[in-house]
N, C-alpha and C. Protein backbone atom coordinates (compact mmCIF):
# COMPACT_ATOMS: atom_id res chain seq x y z
N UNK A 1 102.08 211.57 39.46
CA UNK A 1 102.97 212.38 40.27
C UNK A 1 102.23 213.05 41.43
N UNK A 2 100.91 213.05 41.39
CA UNK A 2 100.14 213.64 42.48
C UNK A 2 100.44 212.93 43.80
N UNK A 3 100.53 211.59 43.75
CA UNK A 3 100.83 210.83 44.97
C UNK A 3 102.20 211.19 45.51
N UNK A 4 103.15 211.42 44.62
CA UNK A 4 104.50 211.80 45.02
C UNK A 4 104.47 213.14 45.74
N UNK A 5 103.78 214.12 45.17
CA UNK A 5 103.69 215.44 45.80
C UNK A 5 102.98 215.36 47.15
N UNK A 6 101.96 214.53 47.26
CA UNK A 6 101.25 214.37 48.52
C UNK A 6 102.21 213.87 49.61
N UNK A 7 103.10 212.98 49.24
CA UNK A 7 104.06 212.44 50.20
C UNK A 7 105.19 213.44 50.48
N UNK A 8 105.63 214.17 49.46
CA UNK A 8 106.75 215.09 49.61
C UNK A 8 106.39 216.39 50.32
N UNK A 9 105.18 216.87 50.11
CA UNK A 9 104.80 218.19 50.60
C UNK A 9 105.04 218.37 52.11
N UNK A 10 104.57 217.47 52.97
CA UNK A 10 104.81 217.68 54.40
C UNK A 10 106.29 217.59 54.78
N UNK A 11 107.04 216.73 54.10
CA UNK A 11 108.47 216.60 54.39
C UNK A 11 109.19 217.89 54.04
N UNK A 12 108.88 218.44 52.86
CA UNK A 12 109.52 219.68 52.42
C UNK A 12 109.08 220.86 53.28
N UNK A 13 107.80 220.89 53.62
CA UNK A 13 107.28 221.99 54.44
C UNK A 13 108.00 222.05 55.78
N UNK A 14 108.19 220.89 56.41
CA UNK A 14 108.88 220.84 57.70
C UNK A 14 110.35 221.24 57.56
N UNK A 15 111.00 220.78 56.50
CA UNK A 15 112.40 221.15 56.27
C UNK A 15 112.54 222.65 56.04
N UNK A 16 111.62 223.24 55.29
CA UNK A 16 111.64 224.69 55.06
C UNK A 16 111.38 225.45 56.35
N UNK A 17 110.44 224.96 57.16
CA UNK A 17 110.15 225.61 58.43
C UNK A 17 111.39 225.63 59.32
N UNK A 18 112.07 224.50 59.40
CA UNK A 18 113.29 224.42 60.22
C UNK A 18 114.37 225.37 59.70
N UNK A 19 114.52 225.46 58.38
CA UNK A 19 115.54 226.34 57.80
C UNK A 19 115.23 227.81 58.09
N UNK A 20 113.98 228.20 57.93
CA UNK A 20 113.59 229.59 58.20
C UNK A 20 113.80 229.91 59.68
N UNK A 21 113.47 228.97 60.57
CA UNK A 21 113.68 229.17 62.00
C UNK A 21 115.17 229.32 62.31
N UNK A 22 116.00 228.48 61.70
CA UNK A 22 117.45 228.55 61.92
C UNK A 22 117.99 229.90 61.46
N UNK A 23 117.51 230.39 60.32
CA UNK A 23 117.93 231.71 59.84
C UNK A 23 117.49 232.81 60.80
N UNK A 24 116.26 232.71 61.28
CA UNK A 24 115.74 233.70 62.22
C UNK A 24 116.53 233.67 63.53
N UNK A 25 116.90 232.48 63.99
CA UNK A 25 117.69 232.35 65.22
C UNK A 25 119.07 232.98 65.07
N UNK A 26 119.55 233.06 63.83
CA UNK A 26 120.85 233.68 63.55
C UNK A 26 120.70 235.19 63.30
N UNK A 27 119.47 235.68 63.42
CA UNK A 27 119.22 237.10 63.22
C UNK A 27 119.00 237.51 61.78
N UNK A 28 118.85 236.53 60.89
CA UNK A 28 118.61 236.83 59.48
C UNK A 28 117.11 236.87 59.21
N UNK A 29 116.71 237.75 58.32
CA UNK A 29 115.30 237.83 57.95
C UNK A 29 115.02 236.87 56.80
N UNK A 30 113.91 236.14 56.89
CA UNK A 30 113.55 235.28 55.76
C UNK A 30 113.32 236.12 54.52
N UNK A 31 113.81 235.64 53.39
CA UNK A 31 113.67 236.38 52.15
C UNK A 31 112.41 235.96 51.41
N UNK A 32 112.03 236.78 50.50
CA UNK A 32 110.89 236.46 49.65
C UNK A 32 111.42 235.72 48.42
N UNK A 33 110.86 234.56 48.13
CA UNK A 33 111.28 233.78 46.99
C UNK A 33 110.45 234.19 45.78
N UNK A 34 111.11 234.68 44.78
CA UNK A 34 110.41 235.15 43.60
C UNK A 34 110.67 234.23 42.42
N UNK A 35 109.63 233.78 41.72
CA UNK A 35 109.85 232.97 40.53
C UNK A 35 110.64 233.79 39.50
N UNK A 36 111.50 233.20 38.70
CA UNK A 36 111.77 231.78 38.61
C UNK A 36 112.88 231.30 39.55
N UNK A 37 113.32 232.16 40.46
CA UNK A 37 114.42 231.81 41.35
C UNK A 37 114.13 230.62 42.24
N UNK A 38 112.87 230.31 42.46
CA UNK A 38 112.55 229.20 43.35
C UNK A 38 112.34 227.88 42.62
N UNK A 39 112.55 227.86 41.31
CA UNK A 39 112.35 226.63 40.55
C UNK A 39 113.60 225.77 40.53
N UNK A 40 113.40 224.47 40.70
CA UNK A 40 114.50 223.51 40.71
C UNK A 40 114.12 222.39 39.75
N UNK A 41 115.01 222.06 38.82
CA UNK A 41 114.76 220.95 37.90
C UNK A 41 115.52 219.74 38.42
N UNK A 42 114.78 218.66 38.65
CA UNK A 42 115.35 217.45 39.22
C UNK A 42 115.29 216.29 38.24
N UNK A 43 116.24 215.40 38.36
CA UNK A 43 116.23 214.11 37.68
C UNK A 43 115.99 213.06 38.75
N UNK A 44 115.01 212.19 38.54
CA UNK A 44 114.72 211.11 39.48
C UNK A 44 114.76 209.78 38.74
N UNK A 45 115.38 208.80 39.36
CA UNK A 45 115.32 207.42 38.89
C UNK A 45 114.62 206.63 39.99
N UNK A 46 113.45 206.08 39.65
CA UNK A 46 112.61 205.39 40.62
C UNK A 46 112.48 203.93 40.19
N UNK A 47 112.76 203.03 41.12
CA UNK A 47 112.66 201.60 40.81
C UNK A 47 111.20 201.17 40.74
N UNK A 48 111.01 199.97 40.24
CA UNK A 48 109.66 199.43 40.08
C UNK A 48 108.88 199.42 41.39
N UNK A 49 109.59 199.26 42.52
CA UNK A 49 108.93 199.22 43.82
C UNK A 49 108.84 200.60 44.49
N UNK A 50 109.21 201.66 43.77
CA UNK A 50 109.05 203.02 44.26
C UNK A 50 110.26 203.58 44.99
N UNK A 51 111.33 202.82 45.10
CA UNK A 51 112.53 203.31 45.79
C UNK A 51 113.31 204.26 44.88
N UNK A 52 113.81 205.34 45.48
CA UNK A 52 114.62 206.30 44.74
C UNK A 52 116.00 205.69 44.54
N UNK A 53 116.40 205.54 43.30
CA UNK A 53 117.71 205.00 42.98
C UNK A 53 118.72 206.11 42.71
N UNK A 54 118.21 207.25 42.25
CA UNK A 54 119.10 208.38 41.95
C UNK A 54 118.26 209.65 41.95
N UNK A 55 118.82 210.71 42.47
CA UNK A 55 118.21 212.03 42.39
C UNK A 55 119.34 213.03 42.16
N UNK A 56 119.16 213.85 41.13
CA UNK A 56 120.16 214.85 40.79
C UNK A 56 119.46 216.18 40.52
N UNK A 57 120.15 217.24 40.83
CA UNK A 57 119.63 218.57 40.52
C UNK A 57 120.22 219.00 39.19
N UNK A 58 119.35 219.16 38.19
CA UNK A 58 119.79 219.56 36.86
C UNK A 58 119.85 221.08 36.71
N UNK A 59 118.92 221.77 37.36
CA UNK A 59 118.91 223.22 37.36
C UNK A 59 118.65 223.66 38.80
N UNK A 60 119.60 224.37 39.34
CA UNK A 60 119.53 224.77 40.74
C UNK A 60 118.79 226.08 40.93
N UNK A 61 118.22 226.21 42.10
CA UNK A 61 117.71 227.49 42.56
C UNK A 61 118.92 228.31 42.99
N UNK A 62 118.79 229.62 43.02
CA UNK A 62 119.91 230.42 43.52
C UNK A 62 120.04 230.30 45.04
N UNK A 63 119.04 229.71 45.68
CA UNK A 63 119.06 229.52 47.11
C UNK A 63 119.58 228.11 47.41
N UNK A 64 120.82 228.00 47.85
CA UNK A 64 121.45 226.70 48.09
C UNK A 64 120.63 225.82 49.02
N UNK A 65 120.07 226.41 50.07
CA UNK A 65 119.32 225.59 51.02
C UNK A 65 118.09 224.97 50.38
N UNK A 66 117.49 225.63 49.38
CA UNK A 66 116.32 225.04 48.71
C UNK A 66 116.73 223.82 47.89
N UNK A 67 117.89 223.89 47.25
CA UNK A 67 118.38 222.75 46.49
C UNK A 67 118.59 221.55 47.41
N UNK A 68 119.19 221.79 48.56
CA UNK A 68 119.44 220.72 49.52
C UNK A 68 118.13 220.16 50.07
N UNK A 69 117.19 221.03 50.38
CA UNK A 69 115.90 220.58 50.91
C UNK A 69 115.16 219.74 49.86
N UNK A 70 115.18 220.16 48.61
CA UNK A 70 114.49 219.40 47.55
C UNK A 70 115.07 218.00 47.44
N UNK A 71 116.39 217.91 47.34
CA UNK A 71 117.05 216.61 47.20
C UNK A 71 116.82 215.74 48.45
N UNK A 72 117.08 216.29 49.61
CA UNK A 72 116.96 215.52 50.85
C UNK A 72 115.52 215.07 51.11
N UNK A 73 114.55 215.92 50.79
CA UNK A 73 113.14 215.57 51.01
C UNK A 73 112.72 214.39 50.15
N UNK A 74 113.19 214.37 48.92
CA UNK A 74 112.86 213.26 48.03
C UNK A 74 113.46 211.96 48.57
N UNK A 75 114.69 212.03 49.03
CA UNK A 75 115.33 210.83 49.59
C UNK A 75 114.62 210.37 50.86
N UNK A 76 114.19 211.30 51.70
CA UNK A 76 113.47 210.96 52.93
C UNK A 76 112.11 210.35 52.65
N UNK A 77 111.49 210.78 51.57
CA UNK A 77 110.14 210.30 51.24
C UNK A 77 110.15 208.92 50.57
N UNK A 78 111.32 208.43 50.20
CA UNK A 78 111.43 207.12 49.55
C UNK A 78 111.09 206.02 50.55
N UNK A 79 110.33 205.01 50.16
CA UNK A 79 109.87 204.74 48.80
C UNK A 79 108.63 205.55 48.46
N UNK A 80 108.53 205.90 47.21
CA UNK A 80 107.37 206.59 46.68
C UNK A 80 106.38 205.55 46.17
N UNK A 81 105.29 206.01 45.60
CA UNK A 81 104.35 205.07 45.00
C UNK A 81 104.99 204.42 43.78
N UNK A 82 104.54 203.25 43.45
CA UNK A 82 105.09 202.54 42.30
C UNK A 82 104.81 203.32 41.02
N UNK A 83 105.82 203.49 40.19
CA UNK A 83 105.58 204.20 38.92
C UNK A 83 104.75 203.34 37.97
N UNK A 84 104.05 203.97 37.04
CA UNK A 84 103.25 203.19 36.09
C UNK A 84 104.16 202.34 35.19
N UNK A 85 103.65 201.19 34.80
CA UNK A 85 104.41 200.27 33.93
C UNK A 85 104.89 200.96 32.66
N UNK A 86 104.08 201.89 32.14
CA UNK A 86 104.44 202.56 30.89
C UNK A 86 105.70 203.43 31.03
N UNK A 87 106.06 203.78 32.24
CA UNK A 87 107.24 204.61 32.49
C UNK A 87 108.51 203.76 32.63
N UNK A 88 108.34 202.50 32.97
CA UNK A 88 109.48 201.65 33.31
C UNK A 88 110.26 201.19 32.08
N UNK A 89 111.58 201.31 32.20
CA UNK A 89 112.51 200.76 31.23
C UNK A 89 113.58 200.05 32.05
N UNK A 90 113.66 198.74 31.89
CA UNK A 90 114.58 197.92 32.69
C UNK A 90 114.33 198.13 34.18
N UNK A 91 113.05 198.17 34.55
CA UNK A 91 112.57 198.29 35.94
C UNK A 91 112.92 199.62 36.61
N UNK A 92 113.26 200.64 35.83
CA UNK A 92 113.56 201.97 36.36
C UNK A 92 112.73 202.99 35.58
N UNK A 93 112.11 203.90 36.32
CA UNK A 93 111.37 205.02 35.72
C UNK A 93 112.24 206.27 35.90
N UNK A 94 112.60 206.90 34.80
CA UNK A 94 113.42 208.11 34.84
C UNK A 94 112.53 209.32 34.55
N UNK A 95 112.63 210.31 35.43
CA UNK A 95 111.79 211.49 35.29
C UNK A 95 112.63 212.75 35.41
N UNK A 96 112.21 213.77 34.70
CA UNK A 96 112.69 215.13 34.93
C UNK A 96 111.50 215.85 35.54
N UNK A 97 111.75 216.53 36.63
CA UNK A 97 110.65 217.10 37.39
C UNK A 97 111.01 218.50 37.82
N UNK A 98 110.19 219.48 37.44
CA UNK A 98 110.40 220.87 37.85
C UNK A 98 109.62 221.09 39.12
N UNK A 99 110.34 221.43 40.16
CA UNK A 99 109.75 221.67 41.46
C UNK A 99 109.71 223.19 41.68
N UNK A 100 108.50 223.71 41.88
CA UNK A 100 108.33 225.15 42.10
C UNK A 100 107.65 225.35 43.44
N UNK A 101 108.27 226.12 44.31
CA UNK A 101 107.67 226.42 45.60
C UNK A 101 106.63 227.49 45.43
N UNK A 102 105.50 227.28 46.07
CA UNK A 102 104.41 228.26 45.96
C UNK A 102 104.18 228.92 47.30
């Protein structure tokens, strides 16, 4: 999963930067994200070739925009690295992944 985070991190960082700028342009102050409010539990289905087949939010953050950024960033980063053979069942790797913003 390290390779996945390496690919996702810049995509998510840019999406968060744009969202914070949009809020600031509207005169809103960026809020402080306090754990566990910033945690999002995701379900990912990744094909043998690394393409995202499904992404769902199982546990949402209270911040709607973070949920959208998490989901959209994963879709934008597709294809990911190929999952290990040990994870594959019928050529799909299913993962539950807790994403925590730091």
